[in-house]
C-alpha cells in the first residue's frame, strides 16, 4: 500500500516535472521570440533615428534657404525703394526743366535750349533705365517671394514629418520597454505558479 502511494506520488511528480519542462520550453520560445522582436525593434528605431536626423538636417537647410531668401527680398525691396526715390527726384527735375523750357524759351535763367534738351534727354533716359530696373527687381521680388513660400511649405511639411517620426520613435521606445516589463511579469507569474 505504501508502495502504491509512493508510485502515485512519483507519477504525479513526473507529470508535474513534465508540465514544468513544457512550460519552461514554452517560456524559452517566448523569450527567443521577444529577443527577435526586440532586435527588430532596435533596428527599426535605429532606422527611424537615422531618418529623423536626415529630416532635421533637411529642415535646417531649408530654414537657412528661407533666411537667405528673406534677406535677398529685403535687400531688393530696399534697392527698389531707393530707385523709386531717385526716379521721383529725376521726374521732378524733368518736370522743372520742361516747365522752365516752355515758360522761358528766350530767358537766360533757364540756360540755352540745347543744354536743356540734352539734360531732358538724359533725364528721360535715366527714368527709362530706372523704370526697367524697377520692373526687373519687382519680377525678382515676386520670384523670390514664391520660392520663399515654397520653402515655408517644405519646412512645415518636414516639421510635421519630424514630429511624426519622433512620436513613432517614442511609441516604439515605450512599447519595447513595456513589452519586456510585461514579459518579465509573465515569466515570474508562470514560475510562481509551480
Foldseek 3Di string as FASTA:
>chain_A
DVVVVVVVVVVVVVVVVVVVVVVVVVLVVVVVVLVVVLVVLVVVLVVLVVVLVVLVVVLVVLVVVLVVLVVVLVVLVVVLVVLVVVLVVLVVVLVVLVVCCVVCVPDPVSPHPVVSVVSNVVSVVSNVVSVVVNVVSVVVSVVSVVVSVVSVVVSVVSVVVSVVSVVVSVVSVVCSVVVVVVSVVVVVVVVVVD
